[in-house]
C-alpha cells in the first residue's frame, strides 16, 4: 500500500485554509492545527464589534468545512514548539510528526512591547476580541443610564488608535451607531457628548491608498462627526487616559488598538530566518535553511523584484500563496514548481453608508458606487451560501431601517461564583 505524504498545516486563516482546500481529496494526508475551531473572516470583524452582524455569520467551523473530506483532519490545540531535526511539532496536548510542515499562523495586534496597553486596550484580530469590544461599549452605556450623570469623561470617548482600513471602518461604524442607533436604544440620554476619536500617526487616514482615497476618507470621517487627530503617536495608556508624544491626552475608558500587527512566531526555528517577526522564505514559500518547512500568508517574508521589502500583509497575498503552494505540492517534481508573485488587485475601505473608497489598478472611485462595490465583493468572499444570505439580510435591514437587533451583551458565566 502506497504511503501518503503527511502535510501538517499550522493555522486555518486565509492562507492555511486555501492550502488545505487545494489539497482536499488528493493523495496527501493533511492535518490542520488551530487553537480555535473555526476560520474567521477578519475583514468584517468591525461589524461584529458594532453589532451589525452576528459572529457566527463570519465564522466557519473547520469540522463543517472539511466534513466530506477523505484526507483532511482537524485538531484543536496550540503549537508550542517545532523540532525540525525530528520532523515533529509539540502542542499543548500532543506531538505530531510531519513530512512537510506549513506555518500559516498569521498575525496578532502589535502593541510595540507596551504590556500595559496590551492589557488595557482592545485589539481586533479574532472573534473573541470583536465580541469583547461590543460588550464593553454597550456595558458603558448601560452603566451611564443608571448613573444619570456624566461623572467620567472617559465613558463618552471612544478612541481608535490607527488609521488603516480597520481603524477607519470602525470609526465610521461607531459614528453611525451614535447617530442612528444609540438614541433609539437610550432615548433619555444625550449623545452629543459621545466622541469618536481616530488617532493617526500619519497626516491622512488610509496612508497606503491613493491620495484621492486618503482625502475622501478624511472628508467622510469629518462628515460623520469623527474627530481625526493626525500626526499623533500614542505612547501610553493607563486605563483612564491616552497619552501622546505631543503631550496631549484623551480621557477614555474605551480604547481600541488598530495600529499595526506582528507575526505569530513559533519557537524552534533558527532566529536567523526571521525578520520583523516573519519567516524569510524563497519564492516557493520554503523557509530559508529548511527543506520541508514552509511559511505562507502574513507570517511569510518573501523578497521579490517587485516587492524587495516583501509582500504586504493582506488577504489576497495569503489566499494566493496558499493556492500556489497547494498546486506545487501536487506537481510530480519540484522542477515543475512555480514561483509566487503578488499581483496587486487593489484595495478598498468603507466609511459608513454610501461612503467608501476603492483603488483598482488604473481606476479609482469613491462614494456610493464604491460602497456597493465593497459590499458585493465582501459578500462574494464569504464562504457559505447560508452565511451570504444571512449577512445580506442583515445589511438590507440595516440599510432600510438604520437599525440592527444584534446588540447582545454576552458575558461569560463564572462557574464558581455561587453567591446571589
Protein backbone atom coordinates (compact mmCIF):
# COMPACT_ATOMS: atom_id res chain seq x y z
CA UNK A 1 0.00 0.00 0.00
CA UNK A 2 1.33 3.43 -1.01
CA UNK A 3 2.32 5.68 1.89
CA UNK A 4 0.79 9.11 1.53
CA UNK A 5 2.87 12.19 2.27
CA UNK A 6 1.85 13.80 5.56
CA UNK A 7 1.43 17.57 5.47
CA UNK A 8 0.78 19.47 8.70
CA UNK A 9 -0.64 22.99 8.39
CA UNK A 10 -0.43 25.24 11.45
CA UNK A 11 -3.17 27.85 11.22
CA UNK A 12 -6.53 27.97 9.48
CA UNK A 13 -6.66 31.58 8.36
CA UNK A 14 -6.89 32.69 4.73
CA UNK A 15 -3.54 31.11 3.79
CA UNK A 16 -3.85 27.83 5.69
CA UNK A 17 -7.46 27.27 4.65
CA UNK A 18 -6.73 27.85 0.96
CA UNK A 19 -3.80 25.44 1.09
CA UNK A 20 -5.93 22.77 2.77
CA UNK A 21 -8.75 23.24 0.24
CA UNK A 22 -6.21 22.90 -2.59
CA UNK A 23 -5.18 19.52 -1.16
CA UNK A 24 -8.72 18.32 -0.41
CA UNK A 25 -9.34 14.72 -1.52
CA UNK A 26 -5.87 14.46 -3.07
CA UNK A 27 -3.29 11.75 -2.36
CA UNK A 28 -1.92 13.55 0.67
CA UNK A 29 -2.58 13.16 4.37
CA UNK A 30 -3.33 16.63 5.73
CA UNK A 31 -3.69 17.76 9.34
CA UNK A 32 -4.86 21.30 10.05
CA UNK A 33 -3.99 22.54 13.55
CA UNK A 34 -5.51 25.67 15.04
CA UNK A 35 -6.12 26.86 18.59
CA UNK A 36 -9.70 27.86 17.69
CA UNK A 37 -12.19 25.59 15.97
CA UNK A 38 -13.21 27.94 13.17
CA UNK A 39 -11.98 30.04 10.29
CA UNK A 40 -12.71 33.74 10.73
CA UNK A 41 -13.46 36.30 8.00
CA UNK A 42 -11.39 39.09 9.51
CA UNK A 43 -12.39 41.99 7.18
CA UNK A 44 -15.83 42.10 8.85
CA UNK A 45 -14.75 41.93 12.49
CA UNK A 46 -15.53 45.62 12.87
CA UNK A 47 -19.18 44.91 12.02
CA UNK A 48 -19.32 42.33 14.80
CA UNK A 49 -17.82 44.90 17.17
CA UNK A 50 -20.55 47.38 16.25
CA UNK A 51 -23.44 44.89 16.37
CA UNK A 52 -24.05 44.90 12.62
CA UNK A 53 -23.68 41.16 12.07
CA UNK A 54 -23.52 38.06 14.24
CA UNK A 55 -20.12 36.43 14.89
CA UNK A 56 -21.47 33.12 13.55
CA UNK A 57 -22.07 34.74 10.15
CA UNK A 58 -18.35 35.27 9.59
CA UNK A 59 -17.05 32.22 11.47
CA UNK A 60 -16.84 28.80 9.83
CA UNK A 61 -16.13 25.64 11.89
CA UNK A 62 -13.28 23.61 10.41
CA UNK A 63 -15.10 20.35 11.02
CA UNK A 64 -18.00 21.65 8.93
CA UNK A 65 -15.69 22.89 6.16
CA UNK A 66 -13.92 19.51 5.92
CA UNK A 67 -16.94 17.38 6.77
CA UNK A 68 -16.85 15.49 3.48
CA UNK A 69 -13.09 15.39 3.06
CA UNK A 70 -11.44 11.99 2.84
CA UNK A 71 -7.91 13.15 3.64
CA UNK A 72 -8.05 16.27 5.86
CA UNK A 73 -8.17 16.07 9.64
CA UNK A 74 -8.50 18.95 12.08
CA UNK A 75 -7.03 19.16 15.58
CA UNK A 76 -7.83 21.95 18.05
CA UNK A 77 -4.69 22.70 20.03
CA UNK A 78 -1.96 25.34 20.24
CA UNK A 79 1.50 24.65 18.83
CA UNK A 80 4.26 25.44 21.30
CA UNK A 81 7.44 24.35 19.56
CA UNK A 82 8.84 23.00 16.30
CA UNK A 83 11.54 20.30 16.38
CA UNK A 84 12.84 20.45 12.78
CA UNK A 85 15.56 17.82 13.29
CA UNK A 86 12.89 15.29 14.30
CA UNK A 87 10.19 16.46 11.84
CA UNK A 88 7.95 16.95 14.84
CA UNK A 89 5.86 19.68 16.48
CA UNK A 90 4.91 19.91 20.15
CA UNK A 91 1.47 21.20 21.08
CA UNK A 92 -0.11 21.75 24.48
CA UNK A 93 -1.92 18.41 24.12
CA UNK A 94 0.12 16.11 21.89
CA UNK A 95 3.00 15.67 19.46
CA UNK A 96 2.62 15.47 15.68
CA UNK A 97 5.10 14.27 13.08
CA UNK A 98 5.18 15.54 9.51
CA UNK A 99 6.80 15.06 6.12
CA UNK A 100 6.12 18.68 5.23
CA UNK A 101 5.25 21.45 7.68
CA UNK A 102 3.46 24.66 6.66
CA UNK A 103 3.37 27.60 9.07
CA UNK A 104 0.33 29.80 8.44
CA UNK A 105 -0.07 31.35 11.88
CA UNK A 106 -0.83 34.87 10.66
CA UNK A 107 -0.53 37.95 12.85
CA UNK A 108 -1.73 39.41 16.10
CA UNK A 109 -2.12 43.01 17.25
CA UNK A 110 1.20 44.79 17.69
CA UNK A 111 1.35 46.74 20.95
CA UNK A 112 5.03 47.57 20.34
CA UNK A 113 6.14 45.99 23.59
CA UNK A 114 3.82 48.02 25.81
CA UNK A 115 2.33 45.39 28.13
CA UNK A 116 0.07 47.91 29.85
CA UNK A 117 -1.62 48.90 26.59
CA UNK A 118 -1.93 45.25 25.62
CA UNK A 119 -3.76 44.59 28.89
CA UNK A 120 -5.97 47.69 28.94
CA UNK A 121 -6.90 48.29 25.28
CA UNK A 122 -8.85 46.14 22.85
CA UNK A 123 -7.32 44.53 19.78
CA UNK A 124 -9.47 43.21 16.96
CA UNK A 125 -7.73 40.22 15.41
CA UNK A 126 -10.20 37.47 16.36
CA UNK A 127 -13.88 36.85 17.05
CA UNK A 128 -13.47 36.98 20.82
CA UNK A 129 -11.88 40.43 20.68
CA UNK A 130 -14.61 41.79 18.40
CA UNK A 131 -17.29 40.50 20.81
CA UNK A 132 -15.36 41.98 23.75
CA UNK A 133 -15.45 45.42 22.12
CA UNK A 134 -19.21 45.15 21.56
CA UNK A 135 -19.77 44.04 25.17
CA UNK A 136 -17.59 46.77 26.65
CA UNK A 137 -19.08 49.66 24.67
CA UNK A 138 -22.69 48.59 25.31
CA UNK A 139 -21.98 47.99 29.01
CA UNK A 140 -20.62 51.53 29.20
CA UNK A 141 -23.99 52.97 28.18
CA UNK A 142 -25.89 50.62 30.47
CA UNK A 143 -23.82 51.96 33.39
CA UNK A 144 -24.23 55.57 32.28
CA UNK A 145 -28.01 55.41 32.14
CA UNK A 146 -28.08 54.13 35.73
CA UNK A 147 -25.67 56.78 36.98
CA UNK A 148 -27.61 59.50 35.12
CA UNK A 149 -24.65 61.81 35.30
CA UNK A 150 -21.52 62.49 33.33
CA UNK A 151 -19.16 61.55 36.14
CA UNK A 152 -16.39 60.29 33.91
CA UNK A 153 -15.46 61.95 30.62
CA UNK A 154 -13.76 58.73 29.59
CA UNK A 155 -17.09 56.95 29.28
CA UNK A 156 -18.04 59.33 26.47
CA UNK A 157 -14.89 58.97 24.38
CA UNK A 158 -14.33 56.02 22.07
CA UNK A 159 -10.71 56.21 20.96
CA UNK A 160 -9.44 54.20 17.99
CA UNK A 161 -5.67 54.14 17.53
CA UNK A 162 -4.57 53.53 13.94
CA UNK A 163 -6.00 54.90 10.69
CA UNK A 164 -5.64 51.92 8.37
CA UNK A 165 -8.75 50.22 6.94
CA UNK A 166 -9.66 48.62 10.31
CA UNK A 167 -9.48 51.90 12.22
CA UNK A 168 -11.29 53.92 9.57
CA UNK A 169 -14.09 51.38 9.11
CA UNK A 170 -14.55 51.02 12.86
CA UNK A 171 -14.68 54.80 13.36
CA UNK A 172 -17.30 55.18 10.62
CA UNK A 173 -19.42 52.36 12.04
CA UNK A 174 -19.36 53.77 15.58
CA UNK A 175 -20.22 57.24 14.24
CA UNK A 176 -23.30 55.84 12.51
CA UNK A 177 -24.17 53.90 15.65
CA UNK A 178 -24.05 57.16 17.61
CA UNK A 179 -26.31 58.92 15.13
CA UNK A 180 -28.89 56.27 14.22
CA UNK A 181 -28.98 53.51 16.83
CA UNK A 182 -27.96 54.60 20.31
CA UNK A 183 -30.54 57.45 20.56
CA UNK A 184 -33.29 54.86 19.93
CA UNK A 185 -31.94 52.41 22.48
CA UNK A 186 -31.33 55.11 25.10
CA UNK A 187 -33.94 57.81 24.38
CA UNK A 188 -33.29 59.66 27.65
CA UNK A 189 -29.58 60.09 27.06
CA UNK A 190 -27.90 62.95 25.23
CA UNK A 191 -25.22 61.59 22.92
CA UNK A 192 -23.81 64.97 21.96
CA UNK A 193 -21.02 64.27 24.43
CA UNK A 194 -20.11 60.96 22.78
CA UNK A 195 -16.92 61.49 20.80
CA UNK A 196 -15.46 59.08 18.25
CA UNK A 197 -11.75 59.91 18.09
CA UNK A 198 -9.41 58.41 15.48
CA UNK A 199 -5.74 58.85 16.36
CA UNK A 200 -3.36 58.57 13.41
CA UNK A 201 0.43 58.59 13.24
CA UNK A 202 0.13 59.80 9.63
CA UNK A 203 -1.14 63.05 8.15
CA UNK A 204 -4.16 61.45 6.47
CA UNK A 205 -6.13 58.23 7.01
CA UNK A 206 -5.52 55.19 4.78
CA UNK A 207 -1.95 56.30 4.06
CA UNK A 208 -1.24 53.18 1.93
CA UNK A 209 -4.02 54.06 -0.52
CA UNK A 210 -4.11 56.71 -3.26
CA UNK A 211 -4.10 60.43 -2.48
CA UNK A 212 -7.70 60.72 -3.68
CA UNK A 213 -8.83 57.95 -1.33
CA UNK A 214 -6.94 59.50 1.58
CA UNK A 215 -8.58 62.87 1.06
CA UNK A 216 -12.06 61.44 0.56
CA UNK A 217 -11.82 59.15 3.57
CA UNK A 218 -10.86 62.12 5.76
CA UNK A 219 -13.78 64.09 4.32
CA UNK A 220 -16.19 61.20 5.02
CA UNK A 221 -14.94 60.83 8.59
CA UNK A 222 -15.47 64.52 9.28
CA UNK A 223 -18.97 64.40 7.74
CA UNK A 224 -19.81 61.62 10.19
CA UNK A 225 -18.52 63.67 13.11
CA UNK A 226 -15.37 61.62 13.76
CA UNK A 227 -12.56 63.62 15.35
CA UNK A 228 -9.43 62.87 13.31
CA UNK A 229 -6.14 63.52 15.11
CA UNK A 230 -3.28 63.41 12.61
CA UNK A 231 0.47 63.04 13.21
CA UNK A 232 -0.04 61.84 16.77
CA UNK A 233 1.85 58.95 18.38
CA UNK A 234 0.27 57.20 21.34
CA UNK A 235 2.93 56.49 23.94
CA UNK A 236 0.93 55.13 26.88
CA UNK A 237 -2.48 54.33 28.31
CA UNK A 238 -3.33 53.80 31.98
CA UNK A 239 -6.96 52.75 31.66
CA UNK A 240 -8.24 56.30 32.10
CA UNK A 241 -6.13 58.47 29.82
CA UNK A 242 -4.41 58.10 26.47
CA UNK A 243 -1.01 59.82 26.40
CA UNK A 244 0.58 61.11 23.20
CA UNK A 245 4.07 62.11 22.18
CA UNK A 246 2.91 65.70 21.60
CA UNK A 247 1.90 65.97 25.26
CA UNK A 248 -1.82 65.83 24.55
CA UNK A 249 -4.04 63.43 26.49
CA UNK A 250 -7.53 62.00 25.93
CA UNK A 251 -9.76 60.70 28.70
CA UNK A 252 -11.20 57.36 27.64
CA UNK A 253 -12.30 54.04 29.09
CA UNK A 254 -12.89 52.68 25.59
CA UNK A 255 -9.65 52.38 23.61
CA UNK A 256 -9.36 50.13 20.56
CA UNK A 257 -5.87 49.42 19.23
CA UNK A 258 -5.69 49.07 15.44
CA UNK A 259 -2.17 50.43 14.96
CA UNK A 260 -0.34 47.50 13.47
CA UNK A 261 0.27 43.77 13.51
CA UNK A 262 3.10 41.42 14.40
CA UNK A 263 3.66 37.84 13.32
CA UNK A 264 2.78 34.82 15.46
CA UNK A 265 6.22 33.19 15.64
CA UNK A 266 6.62 29.63 16.92
CA UNK A 267 9.71 28.63 18.91
CA UNK A 268 12.12 26.16 17.37
CA UNK A 269 13.46 27.56 14.10
CA UNK A 270 16.78 29.31 13.63
CA UNK A 271 16.38 33.00 14.64
CA UNK A 272 18.43 33.94 11.57
CA UNK A 273 15.47 33.03 9.31
CA UNK A 274 13.27 35.65 10.97
CA UNK A 275 12.92 39.28 10.03
CA UNK A 276 10.38 41.67 11.58
CA UNK A 277 8.67 38.69 13.20
CA UNK A 278 8.18 36.92 9.87
CA UNK A 279 9.91 33.86 8.40
CA UNK A 280 12.18 34.54 5.44
CA UNK A 281 11.21 32.29 2.53
CA UNK A 282 12.27 31.62 -1.02
CA UNK A 283 9.94 32.19 -3.97
CA UNK A 284 8.25 28.83 -3.29
CA UNK A 285 7.44 29.80 0.32
CA UNK A 286 10.08 27.42 1.67
CA UNK A 287 11.64 28.78 4.88
CA UNK A 288 15.30 29.54 4.19
CA UNK A 289 17.60 26.84 5.52
CA UNK A 290 14.91 24.13 5.73
CA UNK A 291 13.96 21.60 3.07
CA UNK A 292 10.49 20.67 4.26
CA UNK A 293 9.23 23.67 6.25
CA UNK A 294 7.18 26.40 4.57
CA UNK A 295 5.56 29.68 5.63
CA UNK A 296 2.62 31.33 3.88
CA UNK A 297 0.47 34.39 4.38
CA UNK A 298 1.18 37.23 6.81
CA UNK A 299 3.91 35.26 8.54
CA UNK A 300 5.97 34.82 5.34
CA UNK A 301 8.66 37.32 4.33
CA UNK A 302 9.30 36.74 0.63
CA UNK A 303 11.54 39.19 -1.23
CA UNK A 304 10.87 39.51 -4.97
CA UNK A 305 11.96 42.00 -7.66
CA UNK A 306 8.54 43.67 -7.47
CA UNK A 307 8.48 43.59 -3.65
CA UNK A 308 12.06 43.80 -2.33
CA UNK A 309 10.68 44.57 1.16
CA UNK A 310 8.33 41.56 1.00
CA UNK A 311 4.67 41.39 0.12
CA UNK A 312 2.04 43.39 2.01
CA UNK A 313 0.23 41.53 4.78
CA UNK A 314 -3.18 41.41 3.09
CA UNK A 315 -5.72 38.66 2.49
CA UNK A 316 -5.11 38.44 -1.26
CA UNK A 317 -1.45 37.54 -0.73
CA UNK A 318 -2.34 34.90 1.87
CA UNK A 319 -5.05 33.31 -0.28
CA UNK A 320 -2.91 33.08 -3.40
CA UNK A 321 0.23 31.89 -1.61
CA UNK A 322 -1.89 29.08 -0.16
CA UNK A 323 -3.25 28.18 -3.60
CA UNK A 324 0.17 28.34 -5.26
CA UNK A 325 1.84 26.16 -2.63
CA UNK A 326 -1.01 23.65 -2.88
CA UNK A 327 -0.57 23.39 -6.64
CA UNK A 328 3.18 22.95 -6.20
CA UNK A 329 2.71 20.17 -3.64
CA UNK A 330 0.57 18.30 -6.18
CA UNK A 331 3.09 18.55 -9.03
CA UNK A 332 5.13 15.44 -9.82
CA UNK A 333 8.52 17.08 -9.46
CA UNK A 334 9.87 20.13 -7.66
CA UNK A 335 11.45 21.04 -11.00
CA UNK A 336 7.92 21.92 -12.13
CA UNK A 337 7.13 24.18 -9.17
CA UNK A 338 6.01 27.74 -9.92
CA UNK A 339 7.35 30.76 -8.07
CA UNK A 340 4.90 33.08 -6.36
CA UNK A 341 4.48 36.74 -7.16
CA UNK A 342 1.77 39.09 -5.93
CA UNK A 343 -0.44 40.90 -8.41
CA UNK A 344 -1.96 43.91 -6.70
CA UNK A 345 -5.67 43.84 -7.42
CA UNK A 346 -6.36 46.98 -5.46
CA UNK A 347 -7.57 47.97 -2.02
CA UNK A 348 -10.72 49.44 -0.50
CA UNK A 349 -12.33 50.66 2.68
CA UNK A 350 -15.82 51.70 3.71
CA UNK A 351 -16.56 54.65 5.97
CA UNK A 352 -20.27 54.35 6.66
CA UNK A 353 -23.34 54.19 4.45
CA UNK A 354 -22.75 55.29 0.85
CA UNK A 355 -19.18 56.25 1.75
CA UNK A 356 -16.33 54.09 0.54
CA UNK A 357 -13.06 54.38 -1.36
CA UNK A 358 -11.75 51.88 -3.91
CA UNK A 359 -8.33 51.82 -5.58
CA UNK A 360 -8.10 49.43 -8.53
CA UNK A 361 -5.13 49.21 -10.90
CA UNK A 362 -5.58 52.22 -13.15
CA UNK A 363 -9.01 53.11 -11.78
CA UNK A 364 -10.07 54.82 -8.57
CA UNK A 365 -13.54 55.75 -7.39
CA UNK A 366 -15.31 56.84 -4.23
CA UNK A 367 -18.79 57.36 -2.86
CA UNK A 368 -21.95 55.28 -3.15
CA UNK A 369 -20.71 53.24 -6.16
CA UNK A 370 -17.58 52.29 -4.23
CA UNK A 371 -19.76 51.40 -1.24
CA UNK A 372 -21.90 49.00 -3.32
CA UNK A 373 -18.75 47.52 -4.86
CA UNK A 374 -17.28 46.96 -1.39
CA UNK A 375 -20.48 45.25 -0.19
CA UNK A 376 -20.73 42.99 -3.23
CA UNK A 377 -17.10 41.89 -3.13
CA UNK A 378 -17.13 41.09 0.61
CA UNK A 379 -20.41 39.21 0.25
CA UNK A 380 -18.93 37.06 -2.52
CA UNK A 381 -15.87 36.24 -0.42
CA UNK A 382 -17.95 34.81 2.44
CA UNK A 383 -17.61 31.02 2.37
CA UNK A 384 -21.12 29.57 2.52
CA UNK A 385 -24.35 30.46 0.73
CA UNK A 386 -26.24 30.40 4.03
CA UNK A 387 -23.89 32.97 5.52
CA UNK A 388 -24.09 35.15 2.41
CA UNK A 389 -27.89 35.21 2.73
CA UNK A 390 -27.77 35.98 6.46
CA UNK A 391 -25.32 38.85 6.03
CA UNK A 392 -27.22 40.22 3.02
CA UNK A 393 -30.44 40.20 5.06
CA UNK A 394 -28.76 41.99 7.99
CA UNK A 395 -27.25 44.58 5.68
CA UNK A 396 -30.53 45.25 3.89
CA UNK A 397 -32.42 45.54 7.19
CA UNK A 398 -29.82 47.97 8.49
CA UNK A 399 -29.88 49.88 5.18
CA UNK A 400 -33.67 50.32 5.18
CA UNK A 401 -34.20 50.88 8.90
CA UNK A 402 -30.86 52.34 10.03
CA UNK A 403 -31.06 49.80 12.84
CA UNK A 404 -29.83 46.41 13.97
CA UNK A 405 -31.12 43.93 16.52
CA UNK A 406 -27.76 42.29 17.25
CA UNK A 407 -26.72 44.30 20.30
CA UNK A 408 -26.49 41.41 22.73
CA UNK A 409 -24.23 41.77 25.75
CA UNK A 410 -22.78 38.30 26.31
CA UNK A 411 -20.67 37.91 29.45
CA UNK A 412 -19.11 34.52 30.32
CA UNK A 413 -20.68 32.86 33.34
CA UNK A 414 -18.37 32.42 36.32
CA UNK A 415 -18.98 28.83 37.38
CA UNK A 416 -17.51 29.12 40.84
CA UNK A 417 -19.45 32.22 41.76
CA UNK A 418 -22.45 30.78 43.61
CA UNK A 419 -23.30 33.89 45.60
CA UNK A 420 -26.50 35.66 44.61
